[in-house]
């Protein structure tokens, strides 16, 4: 009889522990838990050593053909990003660039078909971020196309209303289990971030992310809308797969003999350097 009584007490204790664990695990299902999960996803990946990514952006500008950017690249902590970008303008025009972000500077690999128009310019153009962004080349790229960490920073601008519609497996990435979150962007947060130069000029939109149990983003899909009156993108649709978290990825910046400084370039081609068409 005493033995049976002890078994009930042990069983009840186990039930209480299991119940507490389930309660803690379910925290991500609460509003606060969902907000914390998205906030963690926004900050954790850029603080790791490396990751790889594939990203597509479809951009609609006012009075201009739609532009599609297809990107592959890798990120190396704390501030190196290598991105190969193929730009499609309408159905017929296609150009490929490589952009390396290194601290506050950029290296831009100029396609051969463009360099023909710029005699004396070497394979790579190098300068500070703000200089290159004012040039004719990077001036066409949304900030989010230039740097995957800026794309991830958009998660900071999610509204507090976040849904968790399901748990799902991403089979092609060999993931057994991820959490799926949907949200709208907070217009005031977007405006503040644009003012700080964290990303482009947007005023509304929504998104969804798929996050692993390690709080790392595996996939994302954002749709953002900007005010056309400022000449920026009217609509940007971003999709990305992020893999190889903390893998052994490295890359080097170009050798000096292959680089033209932005100062040299601006002196030789002032119109191209200031955004005026060639």
Protein backbone atom coordinates (compact mmCIF):
# COMPACT_ATOMS: atom_id res chain seq x y z
CA UNK A 1 0.00 0.00 0.00
CA UNK A 2 2.82 2.37 0.95
CA UNK A 3 4.63 1.48 -2.25
CA UNK A 4 1.60 2.40 -4.35
CA UNK A 5 1.29 5.74 -2.53
CA UNK A 6 4.96 6.64 -3.27
CA UNK A 7 4.41 5.80 -6.95
CA UNK A 8 1.49 8.22 -7.09
CA UNK A 9 3.61 10.96 -5.49
CA UNK A 10 6.46 10.39 -7.96
CA UNK A 11 4.04 10.34 -10.85
CA UNK A 12 2.46 13.58 -9.74
CA UNK A 13 5.89 15.20 -9.42
CA UNK A 14 6.80 14.13 -12.94
CA UNK A 15 3.54 15.46 -14.27
CA UNK A 16 4.20 18.83 -12.62
CA UNK A 17 7.71 19.04 -14.11
CA UNK A 18 6.48 18.09 -17.57
CA UNK A 19 3.68 20.63 -17.30
CA UNK A 20 6.14 23.38 -16.36
CA UNK A 21 8.42 22.46 -19.26
CA UNK A 22 5.53 22.54 -21.71
CA UNK A 23 4.46 25.89 -20.32
CA UNK A 24 7.96 27.31 -20.87
CA UNK A 25 8.19 25.82 -24.34
CA UNK A 26 4.83 27.33 -25.21
CA UNK A 27 6.04 30.82 -24.34
CA UNK A 28 6.90 31.40 -27.99
CA UNK A 29 3.20 30.95 -28.68
CA UNK A 30 2.32 34.01 -26.59
CA UNK A 31 2.40 37.53 -28.04
CA UNK A 32 5.48 38.40 -26.01
CA UNK A 33 7.16 35.13 -26.92
CA UNK A 34 6.56 35.70 -30.63
CA UNK A 35 7.98 39.24 -30.42
CA UNK A 36 11.06 37.97 -28.60
CA UNK A 37 11.54 35.21 -31.19
CA UNK A 38 11.47 37.67 -34.10
CA UNK A 39 13.76 40.11 -32.24
CA UNK A 40 16.24 37.29 -31.60
CA UNK A 41 16.13 36.29 -35.27
CA UNK A 42 16.92 39.89 -36.28
CA UNK A 43 20.09 40.09 -34.23
CA UNK A 44 21.54 36.60 -33.84
CA UNK A 45 22.67 35.70 -37.38
CA UNK A 46 24.86 38.82 -37.95
CA UNK A 47 26.60 38.10 -34.64
CA UNK A 48 27.72 34.67 -35.78
CA UNK A 49 30.87 33.98 -37.75
CA UNK A 50 29.39 33.17 -41.16
CA UNK A 51 26.40 32.21 -43.26
CA UNK A 52 25.53 31.82 -46.95
CA UNK A 53 22.45 33.17 -48.68
CA UNK A 54 20.41 33.13 -51.86
CA UNK A 55 18.09 36.08 -52.36
CA UNK A 56 15.72 37.41 -55.03
CA UNK A 57 14.28 40.90 -55.11
CA UNK A 58 11.60 42.09 -57.49
CA UNK A 59 11.53 45.89 -57.52
CA UNK A 60 8.98 48.20 -59.12
CA UNK A 61 10.00 51.83 -59.62
CA UNK A 62 7.71 54.66 -60.77
CA UNK A 63 7.82 55.19 -64.55
CA UNK A 64 10.44 52.44 -65.02
CA UNK A 65 10.56 48.80 -66.06
CA UNK A 66 10.45 46.25 -63.22
CA UNK A 67 13.90 45.20 -62.02
CA UNK A 68 14.76 41.77 -60.61
CA UNK A 69 17.92 41.17 -58.59
CA UNK A 70 19.12 37.57 -58.20
CA UNK A 71 21.80 37.27 -55.51
CA UNK A 72 24.05 34.67 -53.98
CA UNK A 73 26.67 35.40 -51.39
CA UNK A 74 28.19 34.92 -47.99
CA UNK A 75 28.60 36.91 -44.81
CA UNK A 76 31.69 36.80 -42.60
CA UNK A 77 31.52 38.37 -39.15
CA UNK A 78 31.71 41.22 -38.30
CA UNK A 79 31.31 43.25 -41.48
CA UNK A 80 32.32 41.42 -44.68
CA UNK A 81 29.64 40.60 -47.23
CA UNK A 82 30.30 39.15 -50.68
CA UNK A 83 27.32 39.29 -53.07
CA UNK A 84 27.10 38.23 -56.71
CA UNK A 85 24.18 40.12 -58.24
CA UNK A 86 22.50 39.50 -61.58
CA UNK A 87 20.20 42.35 -62.53
CA UNK A 88 17.29 41.84 -64.93
CA UNK A 89 15.63 44.98 -66.31
CA UNK A 90 12.47 44.02 -68.13
CA UNK A 91 12.61 40.84 -70.23
CA UNK A 92 15.77 41.57 -72.24
CA UNK A 93 18.44 43.51 -70.29
CA UNK A 94 20.70 41.51 -67.97
CA UNK A 95 23.91 42.52 -66.17
CA UNK A 96 25.99 40.89 -63.43
CA UNK A 97 27.94 42.66 -60.69
CA UNK A 98 29.87 41.55 -57.63
CA UNK A 99 29.68 43.75 -54.55
CA UNK A 100 31.95 43.32 -51.51
CA UNK A 101 31.18 45.26 -48.39
CA UNK A 102 34.13 45.60 -46.05
CA UNK A 103 33.50 47.78 -43.01
CA UNK A 104 32.41 51.19 -44.29
CA UNK A 105 33.80 50.59 -47.75
CA UNK A 106 32.67 48.82 -50.90
CA UNK A 107 34.38 47.00 -53.74
CA UNK A 108 32.33 46.78 -56.92
CA UNK A 109 33.29 44.47 -59.79
CA UNK A 110 32.34 46.24 -63.01
CA UNK A 111 31.08 43.97 -65.82
CA UNK A 112 33.25 43.80 -68.92
CA UNK A 113 30.46 45.17 -71.12
CA UNK A 114 30.28 48.26 -68.91
CA UNK A 115 34.05 48.75 -68.62
CA UNK A 116 34.24 49.02 -72.41
CA UNK A 117 32.46 52.36 -71.97
CA UNK A 118 34.95 53.41 -69.27
CA UNK A 119 38.48 53.05 -70.73
CA UNK A 120 41.21 52.93 -68.11
CA UNK A 121 38.92 51.64 -65.36
CA UNK A 122 40.18 48.48 -63.72
CA UNK A 123 38.11 45.39 -62.91
CA UNK A 124 37.10 46.62 -59.45
CA UNK A 125 35.93 50.02 -58.21
CA UNK A 126 36.56 50.84 -54.54
CA UNK A 127 35.27 53.61 -52.34
CA UNK A 128 33.31 54.53 -49.26
CA UNK A 129 29.70 53.40 -48.92
CA UNK A 130 28.16 56.84 -49.37
CA UNK A 131 30.33 57.60 -52.43
CA UNK A 132 29.43 54.44 -54.29
CA UNK A 133 25.76 54.75 -53.40
CA UNK A 134 25.70 58.10 -55.18
CA UNK A 135 27.28 56.62 -58.29
CA UNK A 136 25.36 55.42 -61.32
CA UNK A 137 26.13 51.80 -60.44
CA UNK A 138 25.02 51.23 -56.86
CA UNK A 139 22.52 54.05 -57.12
CA UNK A 140 20.22 51.60 -58.92
CA UNK A 141 20.43 48.99 -56.16
CA UNK A 142 18.13 49.07 -53.14
CA UNK A 143 20.15 49.04 -49.94
CA UNK A 144 18.77 45.61 -49.17
CA UNK A 145 20.30 44.29 -52.41
CA UNK A 146 23.72 45.52 -51.39
CA UNK A 147 23.91 43.92 -47.95
CA UNK A 148 22.05 40.90 -46.52
CA UNK A 149 22.51 42.26 -42.99
CA UNK A 150 20.37 45.27 -43.95
CA UNK A 151 17.71 42.89 -45.20
CA UNK A 152 17.73 41.08 -41.86
CA UNK A 153 17.62 44.42 -40.02
CA UNK A 154 14.10 44.93 -41.41
CA UNK A 155 12.96 42.44 -38.75
CA UNK A 156 13.55 45.17 -36.16
CA UNK A 157 10.67 47.05 -37.79
CA UNK A 158 8.06 44.32 -37.40
CA UNK A 159 4.91 45.39 -35.59
CA UNK A 160 4.03 43.91 -32.21
CA UNK A 161 1.22 41.88 -33.77
CA UNK A 162 2.92 38.65 -34.85
CA UNK A 163 1.15 35.44 -35.82
CA UNK A 164 2.54 31.93 -35.60
CA UNK A 165 0.36 30.04 -38.07
CA UNK A 166 2.15 26.71 -38.08
CA UNK A 167 5.22 24.58 -37.59
CA UNK A 168 6.62 23.38 -40.86
CA UNK A 169 9.54 21.51 -42.36
CA UNK A 170 11.65 22.96 -45.16
CA UNK A 171 12.47 19.70 -46.86
CA UNK A 172 14.89 20.95 -49.49
CA UNK A 173 17.10 22.43 -46.77
CA UNK A 174 17.05 19.18 -44.77
CA UNK A 175 15.54 20.86 -41.74
CA UNK A 176 13.41 18.75 -39.49
CA UNK A 177 11.58 21.54 -37.72
CA UNK A 178 11.21 25.30 -37.91
CA UNK A 179 8.78 27.91 -36.57
CA UNK A 180 6.85 30.12 -38.98
CA UNK A 181 6.00 33.74 -38.07
CA UNK A 182 3.93 36.30 -39.99
CA UNK A 183 3.75 40.03 -39.27
CA UNK A 184 3.12 43.50 -40.63
CA UNK A 185 5.79 46.18 -40.59
CA UNK A 186 5.32 49.17 -38.31
CA UNK A 187 5.24 52.31 -40.48
CA UNK A 188 6.76 54.54 -37.81
CA UNK A 189 9.64 52.11 -37.24
CA UNK A 190 10.28 51.91 -41.01
CA UNK A 191 10.46 55.70 -41.22
CA UNK A 192 12.87 55.93 -38.28
CA UNK A 193 15.11 53.21 -39.73
CA UNK A 194 15.23 54.96 -43.11
CA UNK A 195 16.24 58.19 -41.38
CA UNK A 196 19.11 56.34 -39.68
CA UNK A 197 20.24 54.92 -43.04
CA UNK A 198 19.63 51.34 -41.98
CA UNK A 199 17.70 50.55 -45.15
CA UNK A 200 15.69 52.18 -47.94
CA UNK A 201 12.68 54.44 -47.77
CA UNK A 202 9.57 52.34 -47.02
CA UNK A 203 6.28 53.20 -45.36
CA UNK A 204 4.35 49.91 -45.15
CA UNK A 205 4.51 46.20 -45.81
CA UNK A 206 4.46 42.74 -44.30
CA UNK A 207 6.64 39.68 -43.98
CA UNK A 208 7.14 36.15 -42.77
CA UNK A 209 10.14 34.19 -41.55
CA UNK A 210 10.97 30.55 -40.87
CA UNK A 211 13.22 30.21 -37.82
CA UNK A 212 15.04 27.16 -36.47
CA UNK A 213 15.15 26.10 -32.83
CA UNK A 214 18.50 27.94 -32.63
CA UNK A 215 16.75 31.31 -33.37
CA UNK A 216 18.42 31.55 -36.79
CA UNK A 217 16.44 32.57 -39.88
CA UNK A 218 16.26 29.84 -42.54
CA UNK A 219 13.90 31.57 -44.96
CA UNK A 220 12.23 34.95 -45.24
CA UNK A 221 9.73 36.73 -47.45
CA UNK A 222 9.15 40.49 -47.20
CA UNK A 223 6.91 42.77 -49.27
CA UNK A 224 7.51 46.49 -48.77
CA UNK A 225 5.93 49.62 -50.19
CA UNK A 226 7.63 52.98 -50.59
CA UNK A 227 6.38 56.49 -51.33
CA UNK A 228 6.76 57.01 -55.07
CA UNK A 229 6.89 60.78 -54.61
CA UNK A 230 10.51 60.44 -53.47
CA UNK A 231 11.52 58.53 -56.59
CA UNK A 232 12.24 55.33 -54.67
CA UNK A 233 10.88 51.86 -55.17
CA UNK A 234 7.10 51.61 -55.13
CA UNK A 235 7.14 47.91 -54.24
CA UNK A 236 9.90 45.50 -53.25
CA UNK A 237 9.34 41.76 -52.93
CA UNK A 238 12.24 39.99 -51.15
CA UNK A 239 12.71 36.23 -50.78
CA UNK A 240 15.79 34.62 -49.23
CA UNK A 241 17.21 31.29 -48.10
CA UNK A 242 19.94 31.46 -45.46
CA UNK A 243 22.22 28.47 -44.87
CA UNK A 244 25.65 27.39 -43.58
CA UNK A 245 25.32 29.22 -40.27
CA UNK A 246 28.73 29.23 -38.55
CA UNK A 247 30.37 27.30 -41.40
CA UNK A 248 34.00 27.86 -42.33
CA UNK A 249 33.55 30.53 -45.02
CA UNK A 250 36.18 33.09 -46.00
CA UNK A 251 36.96 35.49 -48.82
CA UNK A 252 39.53 38.14 -49.67
CA UNK A 253 39.23 41.66 -51.02
CA UNK A 254 40.67 42.28 -54.53
CA UNK A 255 44.38 42.90 -55.07
CA UNK A 256 45.32 46.55 -55.39
CA UNK A 257 46.48 46.27 -59.02
CA UNK A 258 42.93 45.29 -59.99
CA UNK A 259 41.29 48.25 -58.24
CA UNK A 260 40.44 51.78 -59.36
CA UNK A 261 39.72 54.12 -56.45
CA UNK A 262 36.51 56.07 -56.53
CA UNK A 263 38.52 59.31 -56.48
CA UNK A 264 40.32 58.28 -59.68
CA UNK A 265 37.06 57.20 -61.24
CA UNK A 266 35.29 60.43 -60.32
CA UNK A 267 38.08 62.47 -61.88
CA UNK A 268 37.96 60.50 -65.15
CA UNK A 269 34.17 60.08 -65.35
CA UNK A 270 32.43 62.73 -63.22
CA UNK A 271 29.00 62.12 -64.72
CA UNK A 272 29.00 58.39 -63.98
CA UNK A 273 30.35 59.05 -60.50
CA UNK A 274 27.51 61.40 -59.65
CA UNK A 275 24.62 59.37 -60.98
CA UNK A 276 24.24 61.14 -64.32
CA UNK A 277 23.67 58.67 -67.22
CA UNK A 278 26.69 58.02 -69.41
